[in-house]
Amino acid sequence: MMTKITKHYLTLLLAIMFLFLTYSNSAQALTVSPARIEVSGDPGTTITKEITLSNDSQAGEETYYISYANFEAQGETGSPLFVEPKSDLGTWMTTQEQSVTLKANESKKIQLNINVPNNAYAGGHFAVIFFGNNPNNGGGQVSVGAKTGTLILLSVNGDVLEAGGLSSFNTINNKFFFNTLPVGLEYRFKNDGNDRVKPEGEIKIRNMFYIPVEKMNANAVSGNVLPHSTRLFNNEWIKHKAESNEELKKSFIGKYLDQVSYQWRNFAFGLYIAKLDLTYGTSENHSSKTALFFVFPWQLLIIIVIVLVVVFFIGKKFIKGYNRRIIERARLGIVNNPNDPNHA
């Protein structure tokens, strides 16, 4: 039988779980579209865009409060770092509403106005419009834990500096030998200009006979490189991904055969050349680099060699037996037909 203290703690735990789930569902119930807006305009003009808010919650009516923040590059991952908008694009954006109330499963469009100042410098300006459950109380910190937003990437027309380019391209950790796919490839793009850059291009992989075997989009996520930053882009060459629901075998033989099966589905062998070709900027600048790697699926090759050896010996014995039977039949034919002119 439960003690009163145990019941007390159990009740408290259930209450905390209920509040956590309620808060999480509320924070995740809002869908904002589009997730990113990329625009350009002249100084002194106003740019208007529409954003759609959808309350996907079944709980009922929700009110979402509007706030703004500037953002800049954070490391090489492309993740934005949000900062309080004391100037720049975060202070140029306005909406008619300060908050939006939506019923369950209701959607609504709001109009976002971007008022570009006359003295705005040419190049990139970056901000986000947030929609959150709590009113924006200011205080110098930008909290995004319970907020959903749309990234705004603005290019102000004028004398834009374009500088930078492809700084490196290789396999992840500069690895050369692989025993199977996938092969991870990465490149770094450095932007020394004053506007965002979206590199576009492809990675083409050729085998040791210089025959193309794979072609990949070098920027499948349509990622931008912000001014004065370097961004790391990742790609992966793989033919068939391992199924997540595959039962893992604990025995050595089971694991070995699983690996052989995987290598067969992702067969690759020998030296490969990966070439990255990129274009970027309004001038469509071009940059390219190559990387080498070697794939040696030794587990699969051992099985193939064993099979070939078995087939060779079985085939050799079969051929010897077949020849012996042919010769024996020929001899029997000569003995049974003494009138044959070939009979000695």
Protein backbone atom coordinates (compact mmCIF):
# COMPACT_ATOMS: atom_id res chain seq x y z
CA MET A 1 0.00 0.00 0.00
CA MET A 2 1.28 3.44 -0.94
CA THR A 3 2.25 5.79 1.86
CA LYS A 4 0.95 9.37 1.91
CA ILE A 5 4.41 10.68 1.00
CA THR A 6 4.61 8.34 -2.01
CA LYS A 7 1.15 9.41 -3.18
CA HIS A 8 2.16 13.05 -2.72
CA TYR A 9 5.26 12.70 -4.89
CA LEU A 10 3.38 10.68 -7.51
CA THR A 11 0.69 13.35 -7.74
CA LEU A 12 3.35 16.06 -8.03
CA LEU A 13 5.17 14.11 -10.78
CA LEU A 14 1.97 13.63 -12.79
CA ALA A 15 1.18 17.33 -12.46
CA ILE A 16 4.64 18.30 -13.72
CA MET A 17 4.32 15.90 -16.67
CA PHE A 18 0.90 17.32 -17.51
CA LEU A 19 2.20 20.90 -17.44
CA PHE A 20 5.23 19.93 -19.55
CA LEU A 21 3.13 18.20 -22.19
CA THR A 22 0.62 21.06 -22.24
CA TYR A 23 3.39 23.63 -22.66
CA SER A 24 5.19 21.58 -25.34
CA ASN A 25 2.00 21.04 -27.36
CA SER A 26 1.19 24.74 -27.13
CA ALA A 27 4.65 25.74 -28.29
CA GLN A 28 4.62 23.29 -31.19
CA ALA A 29 1.00 23.85 -32.27
CA LEU A 30 1.81 26.87 -34.43
CA THR A 31 2.87 26.47 -38.04
CA VAL A 32 4.43 29.49 -39.78
CA SER A 33 4.78 29.66 -43.55
CA PRO A 34 7.09 30.40 -45.23
CA ALA A 35 9.98 29.52 -42.96
CA ARG A 36 12.30 31.86 -44.86
CA ILE A 37 11.77 35.00 -46.93
CA GLU A 38 14.52 36.25 -49.25
CA VAL A 39 13.92 39.71 -50.72
CA SER A 40 15.80 42.66 -52.19
CA GLY A 41 14.94 46.34 -52.45
CA ASP A 42 16.22 49.89 -52.81
CA PRO A 43 16.89 52.28 -49.93
CA GLY A 44 13.80 54.35 -49.07
CA THR A 45 11.29 51.73 -50.24
CA THR A 46 8.79 49.53 -48.42
CA ILE A 47 8.66 45.79 -49.13
CA THR A 48 5.47 43.90 -48.29
CA LYS A 49 5.22 40.15 -47.71
CA GLU A 50 2.55 37.81 -46.37
CA ILE A 51 3.06 35.25 -43.61
CA THR A 52 0.52 32.51 -42.84
CA LEU A 53 -0.07 31.37 -39.26
CA SER A 54 -1.88 28.11 -38.54
CA ASN A 55 -3.01 26.91 -35.11
CA ASP A 56 -2.71 23.13 -35.32
CA SER A 57 -3.71 22.61 -31.71
CA GLN A 58 -6.90 20.78 -30.80
CA ALA A 59 -6.93 22.43 -27.37
CA GLY A 60 -8.69 25.59 -28.49
CA GLU A 61 -7.95 29.27 -28.99
CA GLU A 62 -4.35 30.49 -28.78
CA THR A 63 -2.82 33.98 -28.80
CA TYR A 64 0.59 34.50 -30.36
CA TYR A 65 2.63 37.64 -29.68
CA ILE A 66 4.88 39.20 -32.33
CA SER A 67 8.51 40.12 -31.72
CA TYR A 68 11.62 40.73 -33.77
CA ALA A 69 15.35 39.96 -33.61
CA ASN A 70 18.41 40.37 -35.75
CA PHE A 71 20.58 37.35 -36.40
CA GLU A 72 24.13 36.61 -37.45
CA ALA A 73 26.17 33.52 -38.27
CA GLN A 74 27.03 31.21 -35.39
CA GLY A 75 30.00 28.97 -36.11
CA GLU A 76 30.21 26.99 -39.35
CA THR A 77 26.91 25.13 -39.12
CA GLY A 78 24.73 27.91 -40.51
CA SER A 79 22.71 28.11 -37.30
CA PRO A 80 21.64 31.70 -36.59
CA LEU A 81 22.54 33.57 -33.41
CA PHE A 82 19.63 35.85 -32.44
CA VAL A 83 20.37 39.25 -30.90
CA GLU A 84 18.21 42.10 -29.64
CA PRO A 85 17.26 44.45 -32.51
CA LYS A 86 18.58 47.86 -31.45
CA SER A 87 19.10 48.83 -35.11
CA ASP A 88 19.13 47.41 -38.63
CA LEU A 89 16.52 45.07 -40.12
CA GLY A 90 14.99 43.99 -36.82
CA THR A 91 13.83 47.58 -36.30
CA TRP A 92 12.69 48.11 -39.90
CA MET A 93 9.90 45.51 -39.77
CA THR A 94 6.32 46.22 -38.72
CA THR A 95 2.90 44.56 -38.73
CA GLN A 96 -0.53 45.99 -38.07
CA GLU A 97 -1.04 43.54 -35.22
CA GLN A 98 0.93 43.16 -32.01
CA SER A 99 -0.58 39.74 -31.45
CA VAL A 100 -2.65 37.19 -33.37
CA THR A 101 -5.45 35.09 -31.86
CA LEU A 102 -6.35 31.87 -33.64
CA LYS A 103 -9.01 29.29 -32.91
CA ALA A 104 -8.21 25.61 -33.12
CA ASN A 105 -7.31 24.60 -36.71
CA GLU A 106 -7.65 28.22 -37.84
CA SER A 107 -5.22 29.94 -40.24
CA LYS A 108 -4.65 33.62 -40.82
CA LYS A 109 -2.43 35.73 -43.07
CA ILE A 110 -0.62 38.75 -41.69
CA GLN A 111 1.16 41.46 -43.66
CA LEU A 112 4.81 42.13 -42.93
CA ASN A 113 6.16 45.54 -43.95
CA ILE A 114 9.90 46.11 -44.33
CA ASN A 115 10.64 49.86 -44.36
CA VAL A 116 14.15 50.23 -45.80
CA PRO A 117 15.72 53.53 -44.63
CA ASN A 118 17.20 55.97 -47.12
CA ASN A 119 20.63 55.57 -45.52
CA ALA A 120 20.60 51.75 -45.44
CA TYR A 121 23.95 50.40 -46.60
CA ALA A 122 24.06 48.13 -49.63
CA GLY A 123 24.32 44.45 -48.92
CA GLY A 124 22.79 41.89 -46.60
CA HIS A 125 20.56 42.49 -43.58
CA PHE A 126 19.17 39.59 -41.58
CA ALA A 127 16.40 39.30 -39.01
CA VAL A 128 13.53 37.10 -37.83
CA ILE A 129 9.91 37.74 -36.94
CA PHE A 130 8.83 35.59 -33.99
CA PHE A 131 5.41 34.39 -32.86
CA GLY A 132 5.35 33.25 -29.23
CA ASN A 133 2.97 32.37 -26.44
CA ASN A 134 4.26 35.05 -24.08
CA PRO A 135 4.24 38.84 -24.53
CA ASN A 136 7.58 40.37 -25.47
CA ASN A 137 8.83 42.07 -22.31
CA GLY A 138 12.17 43.21 -23.69
CA GLY A 139 15.12 43.14 -21.32
CA GLY A 140 17.92 42.69 -23.82
CA GLN A 141 17.75 38.91 -24.17
CA VAL A 142 16.14 37.11 -27.10
CA SER A 143 14.44 33.92 -25.91
CA VAL A 144 13.40 31.51 -28.66
CA GLY A 145 12.43 28.47 -26.56
CA ALA A 146 8.66 28.85 -27.05
CA LYS A 147 8.71 30.81 -30.30
CA THR A 148 8.29 30.00 -33.94
CA GLY A 149 9.39 32.41 -36.64
CA THR A 150 10.25 33.27 -40.21
CA LEU A 151 13.79 34.23 -41.21
CA ILE A 152 14.02 37.43 -43.24
CA LEU A 153 17.03 37.82 -45.55
CA LEU A 154 17.12 41.26 -47.16
CA SER A 155 19.55 42.50 -49.80
CA VAL A 156 19.67 46.27 -50.15
CA ASN A 157 20.53 47.18 -53.73
CA GLY A 158 23.63 49.23 -54.39
CA ASP A 159 27.38 48.75 -54.54
CA VAL A 160 27.57 45.25 -53.10
CA LEU A 161 30.98 43.72 -52.41
CA GLU A 162 31.33 40.08 -53.45
CA ALA A 163 34.44 38.37 -52.12
CA GLY A 164 35.44 34.95 -50.88
CA GLY A 165 34.95 31.52 -52.33
CA LEU A 166 35.58 27.83 -51.82
CA SER A 167 38.22 27.32 -49.14
CA SER A 168 38.35 23.50 -48.82
CA PHE A 169 36.82 20.26 -50.08
CA ASN A 170 37.54 16.72 -48.91
CA THR A 171 36.07 13.69 -47.21
CA ILE A 172 35.01 14.19 -43.59
CA ASN A 173 38.12 14.15 -41.36
CA ASN A 174 40.20 13.79 -44.56
CA LYS A 175 39.59 10.05 -44.50
CA PHE A 176 40.99 8.16 -47.50
CA PHE A 177 40.16 4.45 -46.97
CA PHE A 178 36.57 3.24 -46.59
CA ASN A 179 35.35 -0.34 -46.29
CA THR A 180 31.87 0.58 -47.51
CA LEU A 181 29.52 3.45 -48.26
CA PRO A 182 28.49 5.99 -47.11
CA VAL A 183 31.34 8.33 -47.91
CA GLY A 184 30.92 11.70 -46.25
CA LEU A 185 32.10 14.75 -48.17
CA GLU A 186 32.34 18.30 -46.87
CA TYR A 187 33.36 21.69 -48.13
CA ARG A 188 33.82 25.12 -46.59
CA PHE A 189 32.72 28.29 -48.27
CA LYS A 190 34.06 31.62 -47.04
CA ASN A 191 32.16 34.86 -47.59
CA ASP A 192 34.26 38.03 -47.24
CA GLY A 193 31.65 40.24 -48.89
CA ASN A 194 28.85 42.30 -47.39
CA ASP A 195 25.87 40.28 -48.64
CA ARG A 196 24.73 36.70 -48.28
CA VAL A 197 25.95 34.16 -50.82
CA LYS A 198 24.16 30.98 -51.85
CA PRO A 199 26.63 28.60 -53.55
CA GLU A 200 25.09 26.33 -56.15
CA GLY A 201 26.53 23.40 -58.04
CA GLU A 202 27.15 19.68 -57.93
CA ILE A 203 29.53 17.01 -56.74
CA LYS A 204 30.33 14.45 -59.42
CA ILE A 205 31.98 11.15 -58.43
CA ARG A 206 33.93 9.07 -60.97
CA ASN A 207 35.43 5.61 -60.55
CA MET A 208 39.00 4.50 -61.36
CA PHE A 209 38.06 4.29 -65.06
CA TYR A 210 36.86 7.91 -64.91
CA ILE A 211 33.26 6.79 -65.48
CA PRO A 212 30.66 8.92 -63.62
CA VAL A 213 28.91 6.87 -60.93
CA GLU A 214 27.13 9.53 -58.86
CA LYS A 215 26.04 13.16 -59.05
CA MET A 216 24.82 15.13 -56.03
CA ASN A 217 23.43 18.59 -55.37
CA ALA A 218 26.20 20.45 -53.56
CA ASN A 219 23.72 22.66 -51.67
CA ALA A 220 20.54 20.62 -51.31
CA VAL A 221 19.45 22.66 -48.27
CA SER A 222 19.72 25.96 -50.22
CA GLY A 223 21.89 27.31 -47.44
CA ASN A 224 23.22 30.87 -47.44
CA VAL A 225 26.64 31.99 -46.25
CA LEU A 226 26.30 35.23 -44.29
CA PRO A 227 28.83 38.08 -44.67
CA HIS A 228 32.20 37.69 -42.95
CA SER A 229 31.61 34.07 -42.08
CA THR A 230 32.52 30.55 -43.21
CA ARG A 231 29.93 27.81 -43.56
CA LEU A 232 30.45 24.08 -43.65
CA PHE A 233 28.35 22.05 -46.11
CA ASN A 234 28.00 18.26 -45.84
CA ASN A 235 27.11 15.69 -48.49
CA GLU A 236 26.90 11.92 -48.35
CA TRP A 237 27.32 9.32 -51.09
CA ILE A 238 25.21 6.27 -50.36
CA LYS A 239 23.08 3.99 -52.52
CA HIS A 240 20.84 2.24 -49.97
CA LYS A 241 20.57 3.33 -46.36
CA ALA A 242 20.38 0.71 -43.63
CA GLU A 243 16.85 0.18 -42.38
CA SER A 244 16.40 1.39 -38.82
CA ASN A 245 14.11 -1.52 -37.93
CA GLU A 246 16.64 -4.18 -38.93
CA GLU A 247 17.19 -6.68 -36.10
CA LEU A 248 20.75 -6.54 -34.87
CA LYS A 249 22.38 -9.96 -34.70
CA LYS A 250 24.64 -10.50 -31.69
CA SER A 251 26.71 -13.37 -33.11
CA PHE A 252 29.91 -12.69 -35.02
CA ILE A 253 28.68 -14.58 -38.09
CA GLY A 254 25.34 -12.74 -38.03
CA LYS A 255 27.04 -9.33 -37.85
CA TYR A 256 29.49 -10.35 -40.56
CA LEU A 257 26.74 -11.47 -42.93
CA ASP A 258 24.79 -8.27 -42.22
CA GLN A 259 27.86 -6.27 -43.18
CA VAL A 260 28.33 -8.35 -46.34
CA SER A 261 24.69 -7.78 -47.31
CA TYR A 262 25.03 -4.05 -46.70
CA GLN A 263 28.23 -3.84 -48.76
CA TRP A 264 26.55 -5.74 -51.59
CA ARG A 265 23.64 -3.26 -51.68
CA ASN A 266 26.14 -0.38 -51.56
CA PHE A 267 28.80 -1.95 -53.73
CA ALA A 268 31.78 0.25 -54.46
CA PHE A 269 35.37 -0.76 -55.06
CA GLY A 270 38.56 1.02 -55.98
CA LEU A 271 39.79 4.58 -56.26
CA TYR A 272 37.20 7.34 -56.71
CA ILE A 273 37.51 10.99 -57.66
CA ALA A 274 34.98 13.48 -56.33
CA LYS A 275 34.88 16.86 -58.05
CA LEU A 276 33.01 19.84 -56.63
CA ASP A 277 31.91 22.59 -59.02
CA LEU A 278 30.29 25.71 -57.57
CA THR A 279 28.89 28.95 -58.92
CA TYR A 280 28.02 31.85 -56.64
CA GLY A 281 27.22 35.54 -56.56
CA THR A 282 25.47 37.78 -59.04
CA SER A 283 28.52 37.53 -61.31
CA GLU A 284 28.23 33.72 -61.26
CA ASN A 285 31.79 33.21 -60.10
CA HIS A 286 33.09 29.66 -60.46
CA SER A 287 35.20 27.55 -58.15
CA SER A 288 36.08 23.85 -58.12
CA LYS A 289 38.12 21.35 -56.12
CA THR A 290 38.68 17.57 -56.18
CA ALA A 291 39.03 14.89 -53.51
CA LEU A 292 40.25 11.28 -53.69
CA PHE A 293 39.18 8.26 -51.66
CA PHE A 294 39.45 4.49 -51.86
CA VAL A 295 36.70 1.95 -51.10
CA PHE A 296 37.70 -1.61 -50.22
CA PRO A 297 34.75 -3.78 -49.02
CA TRP A 298 36.94 -6.53 -47.60
CA GLN A 299 34.15 -8.49 -45.90
CA LEU A 300 32.24 -8.79 -49.17
CA LEU A 301 35.41 -9.52 -51.17
CA ILE A 302 36.31 -12.43 -48.85
CA ILE A 303 32.92 -14.02 -49.51
CA ILE A 304 33.27 -13.41 -53.25
CA VAL A 305 36.74 -15.00 -53.29
CA ILE A 306 35.47 -18.03 -51.33
CA VAL A 307 32.54 -18.45 -53.72
CA LEU A 308 34.82 -18.17 -56.76
CA VAL A 309 37.26 -20.73 -55.34
CA VAL A 310 34.43 -23.16 -54.60
CA VAL A 311 32.92 -22.63 -58.04
CA PHE A 312 36.37 -23.07 -59.64
CA PHE A 313 37.07 -26.42 -57.95
CA ILE A 314 33.54 -27.71 -58.45
CA GLY A 315 33.64 -26.62 -62.07
CA LYS A 316 37.06 -28.18 -62.55
CA LYS A 317 35.87 -31.50 -61.15
CA PHE A 318 32.70 -31.33 -63.22
CA ILE A 319 34.66 -30.70 -66.43
CA LYS A 320 37.07 -33.54 -65.67
CA GLY A 321 34.17 -35.90 -65.01
CA TYR A 322 32.38 -34.73 -68.14
CA ASN A 323 35.51 -35.27 -70.30
CA ARG A 324 36.03 -38.71 -68.74
CA ARG A 325 32.49 -39.73 -69.63
CA ILE A 326 32.87 -38.48 -73.20
CA ILE A 327 36.12 -40.43 -73.65
CA GLU A 328 34.58 -43.54 -72.11
CA ARG A 329 31.57 -43.34 -74.42
CA ALA A 330 33.86 -42.93 -77.42
CA ARG A 331 35.85 -46.02 -76.46
CA LEU A 332 32.69 -48.05 -75.98
CA GLY A 333 31.50 -46.93 -79.40
CA ILE A 334 34.71 -48.14 -81.07
CA VAL A 335 34.59 -51.54 -79.34
CA ASN A 336 30.94 -52.09 -80.25
CA ASN A 337 31.53 -51.19 -83.92
CA PRO A 338 34.58 -53.17 -85.18
CA ASN A 339 33.73 -52.37 -88.84
CA ASP A 340 34.34 -48.73 -88.18
CA PRO A 341 37.25 -47.70 -90.48
CA ASN A 342 38.70 -45.80 -87.54
CA HIS A 343 38.82 -48.99 -85.52
CA ALA A 344 42.38 -50.27 -85.17
